[in-house]
Amino acid sequence: MKMLIILFSIITLIMIILTLILNLVSKKSIADREKSSPFECGFDPKNSARLPFSLQFFLIAVIFLIFDVEIALLLPLIISLQTSNLFNYSYLTIFFIIILILGLYHEWNQGALNWSN
C-alpha cells in the first residue's frame, strides 16, 4: 500500500512538471507592455481602468451574500421535518430565524443599511 502511494505521488509530480513545461513551450505570444494594457481602439487610455466603487453597494452585496448563505442553510430544515418530531423542528426553525433577525438588527444598528451619506 505504501509503495502504491509513493508511485501515485511520483506520477502526479511528473504530470505536474510535464504540464508546466508544455505550457511554457507552447506559448504562441510574447507578453509585452502593449499586450498587457487595456485596448481602446488603438489610443492610450484616458483614465485608469480601476473605477472607484461605492462602499454602500459593497456592504449591501456582502449582507446579501451572508443572508443568502443563511437561507441556503435553512433549506435542509424542510428535509429534517420528515425525520424529527414537530417540537424539535419548530424549536430549531425559530432559533435559526431569531439568529437571522439578530444579524439583521446588528447590521441596521451599525448603520450599514443607512444611505444618508
PDB file of N, CA and C in Angstrom:
ATOM      1  N   MET A   1       0.826  -1.195   0.000  1.00  0.00           N
ATOM      2  CA  MET A   1       0.000   0.000   0.000  1.00  0.00           C
ATOM      3  C   MET A   1       0.873   1.263   0.000  1.00  0.00           C
ATOM      4  N   LYS A   2       1.954   1.227   0.802  1.00  0.00           N
ATOM      5  CA  LYS A   2       2.847   2.371   0.872  1.00  0.00           C
ATOM      6  C   LYS A   2       3.537   2.600  -0.469  1.00  0.00           C
ATOM      7  N   MET A   3       3.876   1.522  -1.141  1.00  0.00           N
ATOM      8  CA  MET A   3       4.525   1.624  -2.451  1.00  0.00           C
ATOM      9  C   MET A   3       3.571   2.233  -3.484  1.00  0.00           C
ATOM     10  N   LEU A   4       2.298   1.894  -3.369  1.00  0.00           N
ATOM     11  CA  LEU A   4       1.293   2.432  -4.286  1.00  0.00           C
ATOM     12  C   LEU A   4       1.137   3.946  -4.100  1.00  0.00           C
ATOM     13  N   ILE A   5       1.168   4.405  -2.860  1.00  0.00           N
ATOM     14  CA  ILE A   5       1.061   5.841  -2.588  1.00  0.00           C
ATOM     15  C   ILE A   5       2.282   6.578  -3.127  1.00  0.00           C
ATOM     16  N   ILE A   6       3.461   6.001  -2.937  1.00  0.00           N
ATOM     17  CA  ILE A   6       4.684   6.624  -3.452  1.00  0.00           C
ATOM     18  C   ILE A   6       4.648   6.676  -4.972  1.00  0.00           C
ATOM     19  N   LEU A   7       4.216   5.595  -5.612  1.00  0.00           N
ATOM     20  CA  LEU A   7       4.123   5.556  -7.071  1.00  0.00           C
ATOM     21  C   LEU A   7       3.125   6.596  -7.580  1.00  0.00           C
ATOM     22  N   PHE A   8       1.986   6.695  -6.913  1.00  0.00           N
ATOM     23  CA  PHE A   8       0.985   7.680  -7.307  1.00  0.00           C
ATOM     24  C   PHE A   8       1.529   9.102  -7.149  1.00  0.00           C
ATOM     25  N   SER A   9       2.254   9.366  -6.070  1.00  0.00           N
ATOM     26  CA  SER A   9       2.834  10.693  -5.851  1.00  0.00           C
ATOM     27  C   SER A   9       3.865  11.034  -6.918  1.00  0.00           C
ATOM     28  N   ILE A  10       4.684  10.067  -7.297  1.00  0.00           N
ATOM     29  CA  ILE A  10       5.695  10.301  -8.329  1.00  0.00           C
ATOM     30  C   ILE A  10       5.037  10.579  -9.673  1.00  0.00           C
ATOM     31  N   ILE A  11       4.022   9.805 -10.017  1.00  0.00           N
ATOM     32  CA  ILE A  11       3.315  10.013 -11.290  1.00  0.00           C
ATOM     33  C   ILE A  11       2.635  11.383 -11.298  1.00  0.00           C
ATOM     34  N   THR A  12       2.048  11.772 -10.183  1.00  0.00           N
ATOM     35  CA  THR A  12       1.404  13.081 -10.095  1.00  0.00           C
ATOM     36  C   THR A  12       2.420  14.201 -10.255  1.00  0.00           C
ATOM     37  N   LEU A  13       3.554  14.084  -9.611  1.00  0.00           N
ATOM     38  CA  LEU A  13       4.605  15.090  -9.726  1.00  0.00           C
ATOM     39  C   LEU A  13       5.126  15.186 -11.154  1.00  0.00           C
ATOM     40  N   ILE A  14       5.300  14.049 -11.816  1.00  0.00           N
ATOM     41  CA  ILE A  14       5.755  14.045 -13.211  1.00  0.00           C
ATOM     42  C   ILE A  14       4.722  14.721 -14.110  1.00  0.00           C
ATOM     43  N   MET A  15       3.445  14.456 -13.883  1.00  0.00           N
ATOM     44  CA  MET A  15       2.393  15.072 -14.698  1.00  0.00           C
ATOM     45  C   MET A  15       2.344  16.592 -14.491  1.00  0.00           C
ATOM     46  N   ILE A  16       2.542  17.041 -13.266  1.00  0.00           N
ATOM     47  CA  ILE A  16       2.542  18.483 -13.000  1.00  0.00           C
ATOM     48  C   ILE A  16       3.711  19.156 -13.700  1.00  0.00           C
ATOM     49  N   ILE A  17       4.890  18.574 -13.574  1.00  0.00           N
ATOM     50  CA  ILE A  17       6.076  19.147 -14.217  1.00  0.00           C
ATOM     51  C   ILE A  17       5.922  19.129 -15.731  1.00  0.00           C
ATOM     52  N   LEU A  18       5.396  18.043 -16.280  1.00  0.00           N
ATOM     53  CA  LEU A  18       5.187  17.942 -17.725  1.00  0.00           C
ATOM     54  C   LEU A  18       4.189  18.993 -18.214  1.00  0.00           C
ATOM     55  N   THR A  19       3.133  19.214 -17.465  1.00  0.00           N
ATOM     56  CA  THR A  19       2.145  20.225 -17.839  1.00  0.00           C
ATOM     57  C   THR A  19       2.755  21.623 -17.824  1.00  0.00           C
ATOM     58  N   LEU A  20       3.547  21.931 -16.812  1.00  0.00           N
ATOM     59  CA  LEU A  20       4.188  23.246 -16.746  1.00  0.00           C
ATOM     60  C   LEU A  20       5.174  23.449 -17.890  1.00  0.00           C
ATOM     61  N   ILE A  21       5.953  22.426 -18.214  1.00  0.00           N
ATOM     62  CA  ILE A  21       6.919  22.539 -19.308  1.00  0.00           C
ATOM     63  C   ILE A  21       6.198  22.716 -20.639  1.00  0.00           C
ATOM     64  N   LEU A  22       5.148  21.938 -20.874  1.00  0.00           N
ATOM     65  CA  LEU A  22       4.400  22.066 -22.126  1.00  0.00           C
ATOM     66  C   LEU A  22       3.716  23.427 -22.235  1.00  0.00           C
ATOM     67  N   ASN A  23       3.290  23.980 -21.130  1.00  0.00           N
ATOM     68  CA  ASN A  23       2.689  25.310 -21.149  1.00  0.00           C
ATOM     69  C   ASN A  23       3.720  26.361 -21.551  1.00  0.00           C
ATOM     70  N   LEU A  24       4.916  26.267 -21.021  1.00  0.00           N
ATOM     71  CA  LEU A  24       5.955  27.236 -21.368  1.00  0.00           C
ATOM     72  C   LEU A  24       6.417  27.088 -22.810  1.00  0.00           C
ATOM     73  N   VAL A  25       6.490  25.853 -23.302  1.00  0.00           N
ATOM     74  CA  VAL A  25       6.983  25.611 -24.659  1.00  0.00           C
ATOM     75  C   VAL A  25       5.951  26.017 -25.709  1.00  0.00           C
ATOM     76  N   SER A  26       4.681  25.818 -25.424  1.00  0.00           N
ATOM     77  CA  SER A  26       3.650  26.024 -26.443  1.00  0.00           C
ATOM     78  C   SER A  26       3.079  27.437 -26.476  1.00  0.00           C
ATOM     79  N   LYS A  27       3.692  28.394 -25.818  1.00  0.00           N
ATOM     80  CA  LYS A  27       3.197  29.769 -25.877  1.00  0.00           C
ATOM     81  C   LYS A  27       3.343  30.304 -27.289  1.00  0.00           C
ATOM     82  N   LYS A  28       2.269  30.917 -27.775  1.00  0.00           N
ATOM     83  CA  LYS A  28       2.281  31.452 -29.133  1.00  0.00           C
ATOM     84  C   LYS A  28       2.559  32.946 -29.151  1.00  0.00           C
ATOM     85  N   SER A  29       2.509  33.588 -28.012  1.00  0.00           N
ATOM     86  CA  SER A  29       2.736  35.028 -27.983  1.00  0.00           C
ATOM     87  C   SER A  29       3.708  35.370 -26.864  1.00  0.00           C
ATOM     88  N   ILE A  30       4.333  36.501 -27.034  1.00  0.00           N
ATOM     89  CA  ILE A  30       5.260  37.000 -26.033  1.00  0.00           C
ATOM     90  C   ILE A  30       4.578  38.164 -25.326  1.00  0.00           C
ATOM     91  N   ALA A  31       4.577  38.133 -24.012  1.00  0.00           N
ATOM     92  CA  ALA A  31       3.928  39.194 -23.243  1.00  0.00           C
ATOM     93  C   ALA A  31       4.793  40.446 -23.252  1.00  0.00           C
ATOM     94  N   ASP A  32       4.213  41.553 -23.663  1.00  0.00           N
ATOM     95  CA  ASP A  32       4.907  42.831 -23.603  1.00  0.00           C
ATOM     96  C   ASP A  32       3.931  43.891 -23.092  1.00  0.00           C
ATOM     97  N   ARG A  33       4.383  45.143 -23.037  1.00  0.00           N
ATOM     98  CA  ARG A  33       3.577  46.196 -22.440  1.00  0.00           C
ATOM     99  C   ARG A  33       2.301  46.461 -23.229  1.00  0.00           C
ATOM    100  N   GLU A  34       2.372  46.398 -24.548  1.00  0.00           N
ATOM    101  CA  GLU A  34       1.198  46.696 -25.363  1.00  0.00           C
ATOM    102  C   GLU A  34       0.129  45.615 -25.217  1.00  0.00           C
ATOM    103  N   LYS A  35       0.547  44.376 -25.091  1.00  0.00           N
ATOM    104  CA  LYS A  35      -0.437  43.303 -24.991  1.00  0.00           C
ATOM    105  C   LYS A  35      -1.061  43.206 -23.609  1.00  0.00           C
ATOM    106  N   SER A  36      -0.401  43.726 -22.601  1.00  0.00           N
ATOM    107  CA  SER A  36      -0.960  43.647 -21.256  1.00  0.00           C
ATOM    108  C   SER A  36      -1.775  44.882 -20.886  1.00  0.00           C
ATOM    109  N   SER A  37      -1.796  45.902 -21.732  1.00  0.00           N
ATOM    110  CA  SER A  37      -2.579  47.103 -21.444  1.00  0.00           C
ATOM    111  C   SER A  37      -3.983  46.957 -22.024  1.00  0.00           C
ATOM    112  N   PRO A  38      -4.966  47.667 -21.447  1.00  0.00           N
ATOM    113  CA  PRO A  38      -6.321  47.588 -21.989  1.00  0.00           C
ATOM    114  C   PRO A  38      -6.394  48.243 -23.367  1.00  0.00           C
ATOM    115  N   PHE A  39      -7.211  47.675 -24.238  1.00  0.00           N
ATOM    116  CA  PHE A  39      -7.309  48.142 -25.618  1.00  0.00           C
ATOM    117  C   PHE A  39      -8.471  49.112 -25.753  1.00  0.00           C
ATOM    118  N   GLU A  40      -8.189  50.309 -26.253  1.00  0.00           N
ATOM    119  CA  GLU A  40      -9.231  51.296 -26.521  1.00  0.00           C
ATOM    120  C   GLU A  40      -9.041  51.837 -27.931  1.00  0.00           C
ATOM    121  N   CYS A  41      -9.326  51.045 -28.923  1.00  0.00           N
ATOM    122  CA  CYS A  41      -9.271  51.437 -30.330  1.00  0.00           C
ATOM    123  C   CYS A  41      -7.899  51.963 -30.740  1.00  0.00           C
ATOM    124  N   GLY A  42      -6.854  51.482 -30.136  1.00  0.00           N
ATOM    125  CA  GLY A  42      -5.517  51.886 -30.509  1.00  0.00           C
ATOM    126  C   GLY A  42      -5.022  53.145 -29.850  1.00  0.00           C
ATOM    127  N   PHE A  43      -5.865  53.818 -29.074  1.00  0.00           N
ATOM    128  CA  PHE A  43      -5.454  55.045 -28.396  1.00  0.00           C
ATOM    129  C   PHE A  43      -5.028  54.725 -26.969  1.00  0.00           C
ATOM    130  N   ASP A  44      -4.247  55.613 -26.397  1.00  0.00           N
ATOM    131  CA  ASP A  44      -3.886  55.468 -24.991  1.00  0.00           C
ATOM    132  C   ASP A  44      -5.131  55.684 -24.140  1.00  0.00           C
ATOM    133  N   PRO A  45      -5.285  54.918 -23.078  1.00  0.00           N
ATOM    134  CA  PRO A  45      -6.465  55.108 -22.228  1.00  0.00           C
ATOM    135  C   PRO A  45      -6.446  56.481 -21.566  1.00  0.00           C
ATOM    136  N   LYS A  46      -7.627  57.109 -21.494  1.00  0.00           N
ATOM    137  CA  LYS A  46      -7.727  58.450 -20.916  1.00  0.00           C
ATOM    138  C   LYS A  46      -7.658  58.424 -19.395  1.00  0.00           C
ATOM    139  N   ASN A  47      -8.171  57.368 -18.795  1.00  0.00           N
ATOM    140  CA  ASN A  47      -8.139  57.281 -17.340  1.00  0.00           C
ATOM    141  C   ASN A  47      -7.873  55.834 -16.937  1.00  0.00           C
ATOM    142  N   SER A  48      -7.767  55.631 -15.672  1.00  0.00           N
ATOM    143  CA  SER A  48      -7.465  54.304 -15.147  1.00  0.00           C
ATOM    144  C   SER A  48      -8.667  53.382 -15.337  1.00  0.00           C
ATOM    145  N   ALA A  49      -8.389  52.114 -15.527  1.00  0.00           N
ATOM    146  CA  ALA A  49      -9.471  51.143 -15.672  1.00  0.00           C
ATOM    147  C   ALA A  49     -10.104  50.826 -14.324  1.00  0.00           C
ATOM    148  N   ARG A  50      -9.444  51.172 -13.260  1.00  0.00           N
ATOM    149  CA  ARG A  50      -9.977  50.921 -11.921  1.00  0.00           C
ATOM    150  C   ARG A  50     -10.826  52.115 -11.485  1.00  0.00           C
ATOM    151  N   LEU A  51     -12.124  51.921 -11.509  1.00  0.00           N
ATOM    152  CA  LEU A  51     -13.047  52.969 -11.104  1.00  0.00           C
ATOM    153  C   LEU A  51     -13.395  52.794  -9.632  1.00  0.00           C
ATOM    154  N   PRO A  52     -13.603  53.879  -8.910  1.00  0.00           N
ATOM    155  CA  PRO A  52     -13.986  53.734  -7.501  1.00  0.00           C
ATOM    156  C   PRO A  52     -15.375  53.108  -7.399  1.00  0.00           C
ATOM    157  N   PHE A  53     -15.531  52.241  -6.423  1.00  0.00           N
ATOM    158  CA  PHE A  53     -16.788  51.536  -6.226  1.00  0.00           C
ATOM    159  C   PHE A  53     -17.396  51.994  -4.910  1.00  0.00           C
ATOM    160  N   SER A  54     -18.681  52.219  -4.915  1.00  0.00           N
ATOM    161  CA  SER A  54     -19.366  52.709  -3.729  1.00  0.00           C
ATOM    162  C   SER A  54     -19.300  51.676  -2.609  1.00  0.00           C
ATOM    163  N   LEU A  55     -18.883  52.115  -1.443  1.00  0.00           N
ATOM    164  CA  LEU A  55     -18.786  51.228  -0.292  1.00  0.00           C
ATOM    165  C   LEU A  55     -20.164  50.765   0.151  1.00  0.00           C
ATOM    166  N   GLN A  56     -21.179  51.593  -0.036  1.00  0.00           N
ATOM    167  CA  GLN A  56     -22.533  51.202   0.356  1.00  0.00           C
ATOM    168  C   GLN A  56     -23.029  50.032  -0.487  1.00  0.00           C
ATOM    169  N   PHE A  57     -22.763  50.052  -1.791  1.00  0.00           N
ATOM    170  CA  PHE A  57     -23.162  48.927  -2.630  1.00  0.00           C
ATOM    171  C   PHE A  57     -22.405  47.666  -2.236  1.00  0.00           C
ATOM    172  N   PHE A  58     -21.133  47.829  -1.886  1.00  0.00           N
ATOM    173  CA  PHE A  58     -20.339  46.680  -1.460  1.00  0.00           C
ATOM    174  C   PHE A  58     -20.900  46.080  -0.174  1.00  0.00           C
ATOM    175  N   LEU A  59     -21.259  46.926   0.796  1.00  0.00           N
ATOM    176  CA  LEU A  59     -21.822  46.424   2.048  1.00  0.00           C
ATOM    177  C   LEU A  59     -23.154  45.722   1.822  1.00  0.00           C
ATOM    178  N   ILE A  60     -23.983  46.264   0.960  1.00  0.00           N
ATOM    179  CA  ILE A  60     -25.260  45.615   0.657  1.00  0.00           C
ATOM    180  C   ILE A  60     -25.017  44.258   0.002  1.00  0.00           C
ATOM    181  N   ALA A  61     -24.028  44.174  -0.883  1.00  0.00           N
ATOM    182  CA  ALA A  61     -23.712  42.898  -1.528  1.00  0.00           C
ATOM    183  C   ALA A  61     -23.210  41.878  -0.518  1.00  0.00           C
ATOM    184  N   VAL A  62     -22.377  42.306   0.419  1.00  0.00           N
ATOM    185  CA  VAL A  62     -21.876  41.385   1.444  1.00  0.00           C
ATOM    186  C   VAL A  62     -23.009  40.930   2.354  1.00  0.00           C
ATOM    187  N   ILE A  63     -23.879  41.850   2.748  1.00  0.00           N
ATOM    188  CA  ILE A  63     -25.026  41.480   3.580  1.00  0.00           C
ATOM    189  C   ILE A  63     -25.925  40.505   2.829  1.00  0.00           C
ATOM    190  N   PHE A  64     -26.143  40.753   1.542  1.00  0.00           N
ATOM    191  CA  PHE A  64     -26.952  39.839   0.746  1.00  0.00           C
ATOM    192  C   PHE A  64     -26.329  38.451   0.716  1.00  0.00           C
ATOM    193  N   LEU A  65     -25.018  38.376   0.518  1.00  0.00           N
ATOM    194  CA  LEU A  65     -24.359  37.072   0.485  1.00  0.00           C
ATOM    195  C   LEU A  65     -24.472  36.348   1.818  1.00  0.00           C
ATOM    196  N   ILE A  66     -24.315  37.073   2.912  1.00  0.00           N
ATOM    197  CA  ILE A  66     -24.420  36.443   4.231  1.00  0.00           C
ATOM    198  C   ILE A  66     -25.818  35.884   4.442  1.00  0.00           C
ATOM    199  N   PHE A  67     -26.840  36.674   4.158  1.00  0.00           N
ATOM    200  CA  PHE A  67     -28.200  36.199   4.363  1.00  0.00           C
ATOM    201  C   PHE A  67     -28.582  35.133   3.340  1.00  0.00           C
ATOM    202  N   ASP A  68     -28.009  35.176   2.164  1.00  0.00           N
ATOM    203  CA  ASP A  68     -28.272  34.143   1.169  1.00  0.00           C
ATOM    204  C   ASP A  68     -27.710  32.804   1.624  1.00  0.00           C
ATOM    205  N   VAL A  69     -26.527  32.814   2.195  1.00  0.00           N
ATOM    206  CA  VAL A  69     -25.943  31.574   2.720  1.00  0.00           C
ATOM    207  C   VAL A  69     -26.767  31.061   3.891  1.00  0.00           C
ATOM    208  N   GLU A  70     -27.254  31.964   4.722  1.00  0.00           N
ATOM    209  CA  GLU A  70     -28.078  31.532   5.845  1.00  0.00           C
ATOM    210  C   GLU A  70     -29.394  30.921   5.364  1.00  0.00           C
ATOM    211  N   ILE A  71     -29.968  31.456   4.320  1.00  0.00           N
ATOM    212  CA  ILE A  71     -31.187  30.865   3.766  1.00  0.00           C
ATOM    213  C   ILE A  71     -30.880  29.496   3.160  1.00  0.00           C
ATOM    214  N   ALA A  72     -29.718  29.367   2.525  1.00  0.00           N
ATOM    215  CA  ALA A  72     -29.323  28.065   1.987  1.00  0.00           C
ATOM    216  C   ALA A  72     -29.132  27.050   3.108  1.00  0.00           C
ATOM    217  N   LEU A  73     -28.713  27.500   4.279  1.00  0.00           N
ATOM    218  CA  LEU A  73     -28.611  26.600   5.424  1.00  0.00           C
ATOM    219  C   LEU A  73     -29.977  26.290   6.020  1.00  0.00           C
ATOM    220  N   LEU A  74     -30.940  27.159   5.792  1.00  0.00           N
ATOM    221  CA  LEU A  74     -32.286  26.950   6.309  1.00  0.00           C
ATOM    222  C   LEU A  74     -33.061  25.913   5.494  1.00  0.00           C
ATOM    223  N   LEU A  75     -32.728  25.760   4.221  1.00  0.00           N
ATOM    224  CA  LEU A  75     -33.470  24.840   3.356  1.00  0.00           C
ATOM    225  C   LEU A  75     -33.411  23.372   3.798  1.00  0.00           C
ATOM    226  N   PRO A  76     -32.306  22.846   4.304  1.00  0.00           N
ATOM    227  CA  PRO A  76     -32.329  21.448   4.763  1.00  0.00           C
ATOM    228  C   PRO A  76     -33.249  21.193   5.949  1.00  0.00           C
ATOM    229  N   LEU A  77     -33.717  22.245   6.605  1.00  0.00           N
ATOM    230  CA  LEU A  77     -34.669  22.038   7.694  1.00  0.00           C
ATOM    231  C   LEU A  77     -35.970  21.428   7.191  1.00  0.00           C
ATOM    232  N   ILE A  78     -36.301  21.652   5.937  1.00  0.00           N
ATOM    233  CA  ILE A  78     -37.511  21.067   5.356  1.00  0.00           C
ATOM    234  C   ILE A  78     -37.390  19.552   5.325  1.00  0.00           C
ATOM    235  N   ILE A  79     -36.215  19.056   4.986  1.00  0.00           N
ATOM    236  CA  ILE A  79     -35.993  17.610   4.953  1.00  0.00           C
ATOM    237  C   ILE A  79     -35.973  17.041   6.367  1.00  0.00           C
ATOM    238  N   SER A  80     -35.453  17.806   7.320  1.00  0.00           N
ATOM    239  CA  SER A  80     -35.391  17.302   8.691  1.00  0.00           C
ATOM    240  C   SER A  80     -36.772  17.210   9.327  1.00  0.00           C
ATOM    241  N   LEU A  81     -37.763  17.839   8.751  1.00  0.00           N
ATOM    242  CA  LEU A  81     -39.124  17.734   9.274  1.00  0.00           C
ATOM    243  C   LEU A  81     -39.628  16.303   9.185  1.00  0.00           C
ATOM    244  N   GLN A  82     -39.211  15.571   8.171  1.00  0.00           N
ATOM    245  CA  GLN A  82     -39.659  14.196   7.997  1.00  0.00           C
ATOM    246  C   GLN A  82     -39.027  13.256   9.016  1.00  0.00           C
ATOM    247  N   THR A  83     -37.834  13.569   9.487  1.00  0.00           N
ATOM    248  CA  THR A  83     -37.129  12.656  10.387  1.00  0.00           C
ATOM    249  C   THR A  83     -37.242  13.041  11.857  1.00  0.00           C
ATOM    250  N   SER A  84     -37.670  14.233  12.179  1.00  0.00           N
ATOM    251  CA  SER A  84     -37.768  14.645  13.581  1.00  0.00           C
ATOM    252  C   SER A  84     -39.215  14.970  13.923  1.00  0.00           C
ATOM    253  N   ASN A  85     -39.454  15.113  15.220  1.00  0.00           N
ATOM    254  CA  ASN A  85     -40.817  15.458  15.613  1.00  0.00           C
ATOM    255  C   ASN A  85     -41.054  16.957  15.435  1.00  0.00           C
ATOM    256  N   LEU A  86     -42.274  17.355  15.523  1.00  0.00           N
ATOM    257  CA  LEU A  86     -42.660  18.734  15.229  1.00  0.00           C
ATOM    258  C   LEU A  86     -42.090  19.723  16.247  1.00  0.00           C
ATOM    259  N   PHE A  87     -41.973  19.305  17.510  1.00  0.00           N
ATOM    260  CA  PHE A  87     -41.444  20.206  18.534  1.00  0.00           C
ATOM    261  C   PHE A  87     -39.983  20.558  18.254  1.00  0.00           C
ATOM    262  N   ASN A  88     -39.156  19.563  17.962  1.00  0.00           N
ATOM    263  CA  ASN A  88     -37.746  19.831  17.668  1.00  0.00           C
ATOM    264  C   ASN A  88     -37.596  20.667  16.400  1.00  0.00           C
ATOM    265  N   TYR A  89     -38.406  20.371  15.400  1.00  0.00           N
ATOM    266  CA  TYR A  89     -38.346  21.119  14.148  1.00  0.00           C
ATOM    267  C   TYR A  89     -38.711  22.581  14.372  1.00  0.00           C
ATOM    268  N   SER A  90     -39.799  22.830  15.098  1.00  0.00           N
ATOM    269  CA  SER A  90     -40.219  24.220  15.319  1.00  0.00           C
ATOM    270  C   SER A  90     -39.214  24.955  16.208  1.00  0.00           C
ATOM    271  N   TYR A  91     -38.641  24.284  17.203  1.00  0.00           N
ATOM    272  CA  TYR A  91     -37.633  24.908  18.058  1.00  0.00           C
ATOM    273  C   TYR A  91     -36.408  25.308  17.241  1.00  0.00           C
ATOM    274  N   LEU A  92     -35.929  24.416  16.386  1.00  0.00           N
ATOM    275  CA  LEU A  92     -34.757  24.700  15.568  1.00  0.00           C
ATOM    276  C   LEU A  92     -35.040  25.806  14.557  1.00  0.00           C
ATOM    277  N   THR A  93     -36.212  25.789  13.954  1.00  0.00           N
ATOM    278  CA  THR A  93     -36.572  26.811  12.973  1.00  0.00           C
ATOM    279  C   THR A  93     -36.679  28.192  13.625  1.00  0.00           C
ATOM    280  N   ILE A  94     -37.331  28.253  14.776  1.00  0.00           N
ATOM    281  CA  ILE A  94     -37.463  29.535  15.471  1.00  0.00           C
ATOM    282  C   ILE A  94     -36.097  30.048  15.910  1.00  0.00           C
ATOM    283  N   PHE A  95     -35.230  29.164  16.395  1.00  0.00           N
ATOM    284  CA  PHE A  95     -33.881  29.557  16.803  1.00  0.00           C
ATOM    285  C   PHE A  95     -33.101  30.119  15.618  1.00  0.00           C
ATOM    286  N   PHE A  96     -33.214  29.471  14.468  1.00  0.00           N
ATOM    287  CA  PHE A  96     -32.486  29.924  13.283  1.00  0.00           C
ATOM    288  C   PHE A  96     -33.016  31.271  12.793  1.00  0.00           C
ATOM    289  N   ILE A  97     -34.321  31.454  12.813  1.00  0.00           N
ATOM    290  CA  ILE A  97     -34.904  32.722  12.379  1.00  0.00           C
ATOM    291  C   ILE A  97     -34.541  33.843  13.354  1.00  0.00           C
ATOM    292  N   ILE A  98     -34.451  33.528  14.646  1.00  0.00           N
ATOM    293  CA  ILE A  98     -34.018  34.539  15.621  1.00  0.00           C
ATOM    294  C   ILE A  98     -32.587  34.966  15.335  1.00  0.00           C
ATOM    295  N   ILE A  99     -31.727  34.017  14.966  1.00  0.00           N
ATOM    296  CA  ILE A  99     -30.349  34.367  14.605  1.00  0.00           C
ATOM    297  C   ILE A  99     -30.336  35.280  13.381  1.00  0.00           C
ATOM    298  N   LEU A 100     -31.183  34.994  12.387  1.00  0.00           N
ATOM    299  CA  LEU A 100     -31.276  35.858  11.208  1.00  0.00           C
ATOM    300  C   LEU A 100     -31.735  37.267  11.582  1.00  0.00           C
ATOM    301  N   ILE A 101     -32.737  37.349  12.430  1.00  0.00           N
ATOM    302  CA  ILE A 101     -33.258  38.657  12.831  1.00  0.00           C
ATOM    303  C   ILE A 101     -32.221  39.426  13.641  1.00  0.00           C
ATOM    304  N   LEU A 102     -31.485  38.736  14.518  1.00  0.00           N
ATOM    305  CA  LEU A 102     -30.431  39.406  15.286  1.00  0.00           C
ATOM    306  C   LEU A 102     -29.322  39.923  14.370  1.00  0.00           C
ATOM    307  N   GLY A 103     -28.977  39.162  13.335  1.00  0.00           N
ATOM    308  CA  GLY A 103     -27.977  39.628  12.376  1.00  0.00           C
ATOM    309  C   GLY A 103     -28.447  40.851  11.614  1.00  0.00           C
ATOM    310  N   LEU A 104     -29.710  40.840  11.203  1.00  0.00           N
ATOM    311  CA  LEU A 104     -30.269  41.998  10.512  1.00  0.00           C
ATOM    312  C   LEU A 104     -30.323  43.211  11.433  1.00  0.00           C
ATOM    313  N   TYR A 105     -30.699  43.003  12.697  1.00  0.00           N
ATOM    314  CA  TYR A 105     -30.732  44.109  13.659  1.00  0.00           C
ATOM    315  C   TYR A 105     -29.327  44.670  13.888  1.00  0.00           C
ATOM    316  N   HIS A 106     -28.336  43.808  13.961  1.00  0.00           N
ATOM    317  CA  HIS A 106     -26.958  44.266  14.157  1.00  0.00           C
ATOM    318  C   HIS A 106     -26.495  45.123  12.972  1.00  0.00           C
ATOM    319  N   GLU A 107     -26.786  44.682  11.759  1.00  0.00           N
ATOM    320  CA  GLU A 107     -26.415  45.468  10.579  1.00  0.00           C
ATOM    321  C   GLU A 107     -27.142  46.809  10.569  1.00  0.00           C
ATOM    322  N   TRP A 108     -28.392  46.797  10.950  1.00  0.00           N
ATOM    323  CA  TRP A 108     -29.175  48.028  10.993  1.00  0.00           C
ATOM    324  C   TRP A 108     -28.644  48.963  12.080  1.00  0.00           C
ATOM    325  N   ASN A 109     -28.303  48.393  13.252  1.00  0.00           N
ATOM    326  CA  ASN A 109     -27.796  49.184  14.371  1.00  0.00           C
ATOM    327  C   ASN A 109     -26.421  49.773  14.064  1.00  0.00           C
ATOM    328  N   GLN A 110     -25.595  49.079  13.293  1.00  0.00           N
ATOM    329  CA  GLN A 110     -24.267  49.576  12.938  1.00  0.00           C
ATOM    330  C   GLN A 110     -24.324  50.632  11.834  1.00  0.00           C
ATOM    331  N   GLY A 111     -25.478  50.796  11.215  1.00  0.00           N
ATOM    332  CA  GLY A 111     -25.633  51.818  10.189  1.00  0.00           C
ATOM    333  C   GLY A 111     -25.264  51.350   8.797  1.00  0.00           C
ATOM    334  N   ALA A 112     -25.140  50.050   8.595  1.00  0.00           N
ATOM    335  CA  ALA A 112     -24.766  49.545   7.276  1.00  0.00           C
ATOM    336  C   ALA A 112     -25.905  49.691   6.272  1.00  0.00           C
ATOM    337  N   LEU A 113     -27.124  49.863   6.756  1.00  0.00           N
ATOM    338  CA  LEU A 113     -28.270  49.979   5.854  1.00  0.00           C
ATOM    339  C   LEU A 113     -28.677  51.427   5.611  1.00  0.00           C
ATOM    340  N   ASN A 114     -27.982  52.388   6.219  1.00  0.00           N
ATOM    341  CA  ASN A 114     -28.290  53.809   6.009  1.00  0.00           C
ATOM    342  C   ASN A 114     -27.668  54.297   4.711  1.00  0.00           C
ATOM    343  N   TRP A 115     -28.451  55.065   3.939  1.00  0.00           N
ATOM    344  CA  TRP A 115     -27.968  55.627   2.677  1.00  0.00           C
ATOM    345  C   TRP A 115     -27.859  57.139   2.775  1.00  0.00           C
ATOM    346  N   SER A 116     -27.655  57.661   3.973  1.00  0.00           N
ATOM    347  CA  SER A 116     -27.653  59.110   4.171  1.00  0.00           C
ATOM    348  C   SER A 116     -26.370  59.774   3.690  1.00  0.00           C
ATOM    349  N   ASN A 117     -25.310  59.031   3.472  1.00  0.00           N
ATOM    350  CA  ASN A 117     -24.028  59.632   3.044  1.00  0.00           C
ATOM    351  C   ASN A 117     -24.124  60.157   1.645  1.00  0.00           C
TER     352      ASN A 117
END
